[in-house]
Amino acid sequence: GTDDLDAILGDVKPSFAFLGANLFTADRFQNI
């Protein structure tokens, strides 16, 4: 789910470029 993914990206912050050109979410998911 988007909430958990946003939380993971807030904690991990990967060094690789993380891509998803066609995926979109609401503005509140700041980390995504």
PDB file of all heavy atoms in Angstrom:
ATOM      1  N   GLY A   1       0.822  -1.206   0.000  1.00  0.00           N
ATOM      2  CA  GLY A   1       0.000   0.000   0.000  1.00  0.00           C
ATOM      3  C   GLY A   1       0.852   1.250   0.000  1.00  0.00           C
ATOM      4  O   GLY A   1       2.016   1.252   0.413  1.00  0.00           O
ATOM      5  N   THR A   2       0.286   2.323  -0.468  1.00  0.00           N
ATOM      6  CA  THR A   2       1.033   3.557  -0.650  1.00  0.00           C
ATOM      7  C   THR A   2       1.493   4.168   0.667  1.00  0.00           C
ATOM      8  O   THR A   2       2.569   4.762   0.744  1.00  0.00           O
ATOM      9  CB  THR A   2       0.188   4.583  -1.432  1.00  0.00           C
ATOM     10  OG1 THR A   2      -0.660   3.898  -2.354  1.00  0.00           O
ATOM     11  CG2 THR A   2       1.066   5.522  -2.211  1.00  0.00           C
ATOM     12  N   ASP A   3       0.687   4.048   1.718  1.00  0.00           N
ATOM     13  CA  ASP A   3       1.078   4.613   3.011  1.00  0.00           C
ATOM     14  C   ASP A   3       2.352   3.955   3.531  1.00  0.00           C
ATOM     15  O   ASP A   3       3.282   4.646   3.983  1.00  0.00           O
ATOM     16  CB  ASP A   3      -0.054   4.444   4.028  1.00  0.00           C
ATOM     17  CG  ASP A   3      -1.230   5.372   3.740  1.00  0.00           C
ATOM     18  OD1 ASP A   3      -1.151   6.550   4.117  1.00  0.00           O
ATOM     19  OD2 ASP A   3      -2.216   4.915   3.131  1.00  0.00           O
ATOM     20  N   ASP A   4       2.388   2.610   3.481  1.00  0.00           N
ATOM     21  CA  ASP A   4       3.573   1.896   3.971  1.00  0.00           C
ATOM     22  C   ASP A   4       4.784   2.153   3.089  1.00  0.00           C
ATOM     23  O   ASP A   4       5.910   2.286   3.577  1.00  0.00           O
ATOM     24  CB  ASP A   4       3.292   0.392   4.061  1.00  0.00           C
ATOM     25  CG  ASP A   4       2.531   0.019   5.328  1.00  0.00           C
ATOM     26  OD1 ASP A   4       2.738   0.689   6.356  1.00  0.00           O
ATOM     27  OD2 ASP A   4       1.748  -0.938   5.291  1.00  0.00           O
ATOM     28  N   LEU A   5       4.580   2.218   1.771  1.00  0.00           N
ATOM     29  CA  LEU A   5       5.699   2.498   0.868  1.00  0.00           C
ATOM     30  C   LEU A   5       6.278   3.876   1.153  1.00  0.00           C
ATOM     31  O   LEU A   5       7.502   4.050   1.187  1.00  0.00           O
ATOM     32  CB  LEU A   5       5.246   2.410  -0.590  1.00  0.00           C
ATOM     33  CG  LEU A   5       6.303   2.758  -1.639  1.00  0.00           C
ATOM     34  CD1 LEU A   5       7.504   1.827  -1.546  1.00  0.00           C
ATOM     35  CD2 LEU A   5       5.705   2.719  -3.044  1.00  0.00           C
ATOM     36  N   ASP A   6       5.417   4.851   1.370  1.00  0.00           N
ATOM     37  CA  ASP A   6       5.877   6.197   1.671  1.00  0.00           C
ATOM     38  C   ASP A   6       6.699   6.211   2.964  1.00  0.00           C
ATOM     39  O   ASP A   6       7.731   6.879   3.049  1.00  0.00           O
ATOM     40  CB  ASP A   6       4.682   7.143   1.790  1.00  0.00           C
ATOM     41  CG  ASP A   6       5.096   8.600   1.841  1.00  0.00           C
ATOM     42  OD1 ASP A   6       5.541   9.120   0.803  1.00  0.00           O
ATOM     43  OD2 ASP A   6       4.986   9.214   2.928  1.00  0.00           O
ATOM     44  N   ALA A   7       6.243   5.447   3.956  1.00  0.00           N
ATOM     45  CA  ALA A   7       6.965   5.376   5.227  1.00  0.00           C
ATOM     46  C   ALA A   7       8.338   4.718   5.044  1.00  0.00           C
ATOM     47  O   ALA A   7       9.334   5.169   5.622  1.00  0.00           O
ATOM     48  CB  ALA A   7       6.140   4.610   6.248  1.00  0.00           C
ATOM     49  N   ILE A   8       8.400   3.643   4.250  1.00  0.00           N
ATOM     50  CA  ILE A   8       9.687   2.969   3.994  1.00  0.00           C
ATOM     51  C   ILE A   8      10.670   3.923   3.340  1.00  0.00           C
ATOM     52  O   ILE A   8      11.827   4.041   3.749  1.00  0.00           O
ATOM     53  CB  ILE A   8       9.477   1.731   3.100  1.00  0.00           C
ATOM     54  CG1 ILE A   8       8.706   0.640   3.847  1.00  0.00           C
ATOM     55  CG2 ILE A   8      10.820   1.179   2.627  1.00  0.00           C
ATOM     56  CD1 ILE A   8       8.292  -0.526   2.971  1.00  0.00           C
ATOM     57  N   LEU A   9      10.207   4.654   2.318  1.00  0.00           N
ATOM     58  CA  LEU A   9      11.094   5.565   1.598  1.00  0.00           C
ATOM     59  C   LEU A   9      11.530   6.735   2.478  1.00  0.00           C
ATOM     60  O   LEU A   9      12.591   7.325   2.257  1.00  0.00           O
ATOM     61  CB  LEU A   9      10.407   6.076   0.330  1.00  0.00           C
ATOM     62  CG  LEU A   9      10.216   5.036  -0.776  1.00  0.00           C
ATOM     63  CD1 LEU A   9       9.408   5.611  -1.938  1.00  0.00           C
ATOM     64  CD2 LEU A   9      11.548   4.530  -1.281  1.00  0.00           C
ATOM     65  N   GLY A  10      10.721   7.056   3.496  1.00  0.00           N
ATOM     66  CA  GLY A  10      11.116   8.093   4.432  1.00  0.00           C
ATOM     67  C   GLY A  10      12.221   7.635   5.355  1.00  0.00           C
ATOM     68  O   GLY A  10      13.050   8.442   5.806  1.00  0.00           O
ATOM     69  N   ASP A  11      12.279   6.327   5.614  1.00  0.00           N
ATOM     70  CA  ASP A  11      13.292   5.783   6.528  1.00  0.00           C
ATOM     71  C   ASP A  11      14.558   5.325   5.810  1.00  0.00           C
ATOM     72  O   ASP A  11      15.672   5.515   6.314  1.00  0.00           O
ATOM     73  CB  ASP A  11      12.704   4.603   7.315  1.00  0.00           C
ATOM     74  CG  ASP A  11      11.625   5.039   8.300  1.00  0.00           C
ATOM     75  OD1 ASP A  11      11.603   6.234   8.667  1.00  0.00           O
ATOM     76  OD2 ASP A  11      10.808   4.190   8.696  1.00  0.00           O
ATOM     77  N   VAL A  12      14.407   4.689   4.653  1.00  0.00           N
ATOM     78  CA  VAL A  12      15.552   4.059   3.990  1.00  0.00           C
ATOM     79  C   VAL A  12      16.319   5.037   3.099  1.00  0.00           C
ATOM     80  O   VAL A  12      17.546   5.076   3.126  1.00  0.00           O
ATOM     81  CB  VAL A  12      15.110   2.828   3.175  1.00  0.00           C
ATOM     82  CG1 VAL A  12      16.294   2.227   2.435  1.00  0.00           C
ATOM     83  CG2 VAL A  12      14.464   1.791   4.087  1.00  0.00           C
ATOM     84  N   LYS A  13      15.614   5.805   2.291  1.00  0.00           N
ATOM     85  CA  LYS A  13      16.234   6.754   1.359  1.00  0.00           C
ATOM     86  C   LYS A  13      17.355   6.095   0.544  1.00  0.00           C
ATOM     87  O   LYS A  13      18.551   6.336   0.786  1.00  0.00           O
ATOM     88  CB  LYS A  13      16.758   7.973   2.117  1.00  0.00           C
ATOM     89  CG  LYS A  13      15.666   8.741   2.855  1.00  0.00           C
ATOM     90  CD  LYS A  13      16.172  10.016   3.449  1.00  0.00           C
ATOM     91  CE  LYS A  13      15.091  10.727   4.267  1.00  0.00           C
ATOM     92  NZ  LYS A  13      13.873  11.023   3.515  1.00  0.00           N
ATOM     93  N   PRO A  14      17.009   5.256  -0.408  1.00  0.00           N
ATOM     94  CA  PRO A  14      18.012   4.492  -1.160  1.00  0.00           C
ATOM     95  C   PRO A  14      18.955   5.381  -1.958  1.00  0.00           C
ATOM     96  O   PRO A  14      18.594   6.474  -2.398  1.00  0.00           O
ATOM     97  CB  PRO A  14      17.156   3.627  -2.088  1.00  0.00           C
ATOM     98  CG  PRO A  14      15.870   4.378  -2.234  1.00  0.00           C
ATOM     99  CD  PRO A  14      15.640   5.025  -0.910  1.00  0.00           C
ATOM    100  N   SER A  15      20.171   4.885  -2.149  1.00  0.00           N
ATOM    101  CA  SER A  15      21.166   5.618  -2.931  1.00  0.00           C
ATOM    102  C   SER A  15      20.968   5.423  -4.426  1.00  0.00           C
ATOM    103  O   SER A  15      21.439   6.235  -5.226  1.00  0.00           O
ATOM    104  CB  SER A  15      22.578   5.171  -2.532  1.00  0.00           C
ATOM    105  OG  SER A  15      22.742   3.770  -2.742  1.00  0.00           O
ATOM    106  N   PHE A  16      20.297   4.337  -4.828  1.00  0.00           N
ATOM    107  CA  PHE A  16      20.048   4.136  -6.256  1.00  0.00           C
ATOM    108  C   PHE A  16      18.899   5.029  -6.718  1.00  0.00           C
ATOM    109  O   PHE A  16      18.052   5.459  -5.926  1.00  0.00           O
ATOM    110  CB  PHE A  16      19.750   2.667  -6.569  1.00  0.00           C
ATOM    111  CG  PHE A  16      18.634   2.038  -5.769  1.00  0.00           C
ATOM    112  CD1 PHE A  16      17.297   2.344  -5.997  1.00  0.00           C
ATOM    113  CD2 PHE A  16      18.921   1.096  -4.773  1.00  0.00           C
ATOM    114  CE1 PHE A  16      16.268   1.744  -5.280  1.00  0.00           C
ATOM    115  CE2 PHE A  16      17.910   0.492  -4.039  1.00  0.00           C
ATOM    116  CZ  PHE A  16      16.580   0.824  -4.298  1.00  0.00           C
ATOM    117  N   ALA A  17      18.879   5.305  -8.021  1.00  0.00           N
ATOM    118  CA  ALA A  17      17.755   6.040  -8.613  1.00  0.00           C
ATOM    119  C   ALA A  17      16.568   5.088  -8.677  1.00  0.00           C
ATOM    120  O   ALA A  17      16.654   4.015  -9.277  1.00  0.00           O
ATOM    121  CB  ALA A  17      18.126   6.532 -10.005  1.00  0.00           C
ATOM    122  N   PHE A  18      15.469   5.474  -8.051  1.00  0.00           N
ATOM    123  CA  PHE A  18      14.271   4.633  -7.975  1.00  0.00           C
ATOM    124  C   PHE A  18      13.256   5.188  -8.964  1.00  0.00           C
ATOM    125  O   PHE A  18      12.832   6.350  -8.858  1.00  0.00           O
ATOM    126  CB  PHE A  18      13.724   4.664  -6.553  1.00  0.00           C
ATOM    127  CG  PHE A  18      12.792   3.525  -6.205  1.00  0.00           C
ATOM    128  CD1 PHE A  18      12.867   2.299  -6.837  1.00  0.00           C
ATOM    129  CD2 PHE A  18      11.843   3.686  -5.197  1.00  0.00           C
ATOM    130  CE1 PHE A  18      12.024   1.260  -6.510  1.00  0.00           C
ATOM    131  CE2 PHE A  18      10.989   2.650  -4.844  1.00  0.00           C
ATOM    132  CZ  PHE A  18      11.082   1.433  -5.500  1.00  0.00           C
ATOM    133  N   LEU A  19      12.861   4.361  -9.949  1.00  0.00           N
ATOM    134  CA  LEU A  19      12.075   4.856 -11.076  1.00  0.00           C
ATOM    135  C   LEU A  19      10.663   4.262 -11.129  1.00  0.00           C
ATOM    136  O   LEU A  19      10.440   3.114 -10.760  1.00  0.00           O
ATOM    137  CB  LEU A  19      12.790   4.546 -12.393  1.00  0.00           C
ATOM    138  CG  LEU A  19      14.239   5.014 -12.549  1.00  0.00           C
ATOM    139  CD1 LEU A  19      14.724   4.708 -13.960  1.00  0.00           C
ATOM    140  CD2 LEU A  19      14.386   6.483 -12.224  1.00  0.00           C
ATOM    141  N   GLY A  20       9.753   5.076 -11.647  1.00  0.00           N
ATOM    142  CA  GLY A  20       8.376   4.656 -11.895  1.00  0.00           C
ATOM    143  C   GLY A  20       7.663   5.784 -12.613  1.00  0.00           C
ATOM    144  O   GLY A  20       6.863   6.512 -12.012  1.00  0.00           O
ATOM    145  N   ALA A  21       7.932   5.935 -13.898  1.00  0.00           N
ATOM    146  CA  ALA A  21       7.439   7.093 -14.647  1.00  0.00           C
ATOM    147  C   ALA A  21       5.927   7.156 -14.726  1.00  0.00           C
ATOM    148  O   ALA A  21       5.342   8.244 -14.782  1.00  0.00           O
ATOM    149  CB  ALA A  21       8.035   7.085 -16.062  1.00  0.00           C
ATOM    150  N   ASN A  22       5.269   6.003 -14.743  1.00  0.00           N
ATOM    151  CA  ASN A  22       3.822   5.990 -14.934  1.00  0.00           C
ATOM    152  C   ASN A  22       3.046   5.778 -13.647  1.00  0.00           C
ATOM    153  O   ASN A  22       1.820   5.633 -13.672  1.00  0.00           O
ATOM    154  CB  ASN A  22       3.423   4.946 -15.976  1.00  0.00           C
ATOM    155  CG  ASN A  22       3.932   3.555 -15.677  1.00  0.00           C
ATOM    156  OD1 ASN A  22       4.977   3.385 -15.045  1.00  0.00           O
ATOM    157  ND2 ASN A  22       3.207   2.549 -16.130  1.00  0.00           N
ATOM    158  N   LEU A  23       3.715   5.764 -12.496  1.00  0.00           N
ATOM    159  CA  LEU A  23       3.032   5.632 -11.212  1.00  0.00           C
ATOM    160  C   LEU A  23       2.845   7.022 -10.610  1.00  0.00           C
ATOM    161  O   LEU A  23       3.783   7.804 -10.540  1.00  0.00           O
ATOM    162  CB  LEU A  23       3.845   4.740 -10.270  1.00  0.00           C
ATOM    163  CG  LEU A  23       3.191   4.307  -8.957  1.00  0.00           C
ATOM    164  CD1 LEU A  23       3.761   2.959  -8.499  1.00  0.00           C
ATOM    165  CD2 LEU A  23       3.373   5.338  -7.843  1.00  0.00           C
ATOM    166  N   PHE A  24       1.622   7.311 -10.152  1.00  0.00           N
ATOM    167  CA  PHE A  24       1.366   8.618  -9.552  1.00  0.00           C
ATOM    168  C   PHE A  24       0.564   8.450  -8.263  1.00  0.00           C
ATOM    169  O   PHE A  24      -0.200   7.498  -8.096  1.00  0.00           O
ATOM    170  CB  PHE A  24       0.613   9.542 -10.527  1.00  0.00           C
ATOM    171  CG  PHE A  24      -0.765   9.051 -10.905  1.00  0.00           C
ATOM    172  CD1 PHE A  24      -1.898   9.478 -10.220  1.00  0.00           C
ATOM    173  CD2 PHE A  24      -0.939   8.145 -11.962  1.00  0.00           C
ATOM    174  CE1 PHE A  24      -3.169   9.033 -10.571  1.00  0.00           C
ATOM    175  CE2 PHE A  24      -2.202   7.691 -12.312  1.00  0.00           C
ATOM    176  CZ  PHE A  24      -3.321   8.126 -11.615  1.00  0.00           C
ATOM    177  N   THR A  25       0.777   9.360  -7.317  1.00  0.00           N
ATOM    178  CA  THR A  25       0.099   9.319  -6.025  1.00  0.00           C
ATOM    179  C   THR A  25      -0.292  10.725  -5.601  1.00  0.00           C
ATOM    180  O   THR A  25       0.116  11.716  -6.212  1.00  0.00           O
ATOM    181  CB  THR A  25       1.006   8.722  -4.931  1.00  0.00           C
ATOM    182  OG1 THR A  25       2.182   9.534  -4.808  1.00  0.00           O
ATOM    183  CG2 THR A  25       1.420   7.301  -5.261  1.00  0.00           C
ATOM    184  N   ALA A  26      -1.061  10.786  -4.513  1.00  0.00           N
ATOM    185  CA  ALA A  26      -1.486  12.074  -3.973  1.00  0.00           C
ATOM    186  C   ALA A  26      -0.290  12.841  -3.413  1.00  0.00           C
ATOM    187  O   ALA A  26       0.734  12.254  -3.050  1.00  0.00           O
ATOM    188  CB  ALA A  26      -2.529  11.857  -2.873  1.00  0.00           C
ATOM    189  N   ASP A  27      -0.429  14.148  -3.324  1.00  0.00           N
ATOM    190  CA  ASP A  27       0.659  15.005  -2.875  1.00  0.00           C
ATOM    191  C   ASP A  27       1.111  14.697  -1.457  1.00  0.00           C
ATOM    192  O   ASP A  27       2.268  14.966  -1.098  1.00  0.00           O
ATOM    193  CB  ASP A  27       0.237  16.480  -2.956  1.00  0.00           C
ATOM    194  CG  ASP A  27       0.081  16.966  -4.389  1.00  0.00           C
ATOM    195  OD1 ASP A  27       0.649  16.315  -5.291  1.00  0.00           O
ATOM    196  OD2 ASP A  27      -0.607  17.978  -4.602  1.00  0.00           O
ATOM    197  N   ARG A  28       0.216  14.112  -0.646  1.00  0.00           N
ATOM    198  CA  ARG A  28       0.587  13.896   0.750  1.00  0.00           C
ATOM    199  C   ARG A  28       1.679  12.828   0.907  1.00  0.00           C
ATOM    200  O   ARG A  28       2.318  12.747   1.954  1.00  0.00           O
ATOM    201  CB  ARG A  28      -0.644  13.522   1.582  1.00  0.00           C
ATOM    202  CG  ARG A  28      -1.220  12.137   1.334  1.00  0.00           C
ATOM    203  CD  ARG A  28      -2.431  11.916   2.242  1.00  0.00           C
ATOM    204  NE  ARG A  28      -3.009  10.583   2.094  1.00  0.00           N
ATOM    205  CZ  ARG A  28      -2.622   9.538   2.811  1.00  0.00           C
ATOM    206  NH1 ARG A  28      -1.637   9.646   3.690  1.00  0.00           N
ATOM    207  NH2 ARG A  28      -3.210   8.361   2.644  1.00  0.00           N
ATOM    208  N   PHE A  29       1.893  12.022  -0.107  1.00  0.00           N
ATOM    209  CA  PHE A  29       2.960  11.007  -0.041  1.00  0.00           C
ATOM    210  C   PHE A  29       4.275  11.661  -0.472  1.00  0.00           C
ATOM    211  O   PHE A  29       4.787  11.435  -1.572  1.00  0.00           O
ATOM    212  CB  PHE A  29       2.613   9.816  -0.928  1.00  0.00           C
ATOM    213  CG  PHE A  29       1.341   9.116  -0.524  1.00  0.00           C
ATOM    214  CD1 PHE A  29       0.231   9.130  -1.358  1.00  0.00           C
ATOM    215  CD2 PHE A  29       1.242   8.461   0.689  1.00  0.00           C
ATOM    216  CE1 PHE A  29      -0.943   8.492  -0.992  1.00  0.00           C
ATOM    217  CE2 PHE A  29       0.067   7.814   1.066  1.00  0.00           C
ATOM    218  CZ  PHE A  29      -1.027   7.832   0.228  1.00  0.00           C
ATOM    219  N   GLN A  30       4.839  12.464   0.419  1.00  0.00           N
ATOM    220  CA  GLN A  30       5.987  13.295   0.070  1.00  0.00           C
ATOM    221  C   GLN A  30       7.226  12.481  -0.274  1.00  0.00           C
ATOM    222  O   GLN A  30       7.986  12.833  -1.182  1.00  0.00           O
ATOM    223  CB  GLN A  30       6.300  14.242   1.225  1.00  0.00           C
ATOM    224  CG  GLN A  30       5.219  15.274   1.469  1.00  0.00           C
ATOM    225  CD  GLN A  30       5.574  16.254   2.577  1.00  0.00           C
ATOM    226  OE1 GLN A  30       6.682  16.227   3.115  1.00  0.00           O
ATOM    227  NE2 GLN A  30       4.645  17.121   2.919  1.00  0.00           N
ATOM    228  N   ASN A  31       7.452  11.385   0.448  1.00  0.00           N
ATOM    229  CA  ASN A  31       8.650  10.583   0.201  1.00  0.00           C
ATOM    230  C   ASN A  31       8.607   9.908  -1.168  1.00  0.00           C
ATOM    231  O   ASN A  31       9.633   9.803  -1.852  1.00  0.00           O
ATOM    232  CB  ASN A  31       8.822   9.537   1.301  1.00  0.00           C
ATOM    233  CG  ASN A  31       9.032  10.171   2.661  1.00  0.00           C
ATOM    234  OD1 ASN A  31       9.859  11.058   2.821  1.00  0.00           O
ATOM    235  ND2 ASN A  31       8.260   9.736   3.644  1.00  0.00           N
ATOM    236  N   ILE A  32       7.426   9.446  -1.560  1.00  0.00           N
ATOM    237  CA  ILE A  32       7.285   8.849  -2.891  1.00  0.00           C
ATOM    238  C   ILE A  32       7.545   9.909  -3.959  1.00  0.00           C
ATOM    239  O   ILE A  32       8.261   9.666  -4.940  1.00  0.00           O
ATOM    240  CB  ILE A  32       5.884   8.225  -3.072  1.00  0.00           C
ATOM    241  CG1 ILE A  32       5.709   7.039  -2.121  1.00  0.00           C
ATOM    242  CG2 ILE A  32       5.674   7.779  -4.516  1.00  0.00           C
ATOM    243  CD1 ILE A  32       4.333   6.402  -2.161  1.00  0.00           C
TER     244      ILE A  32
END
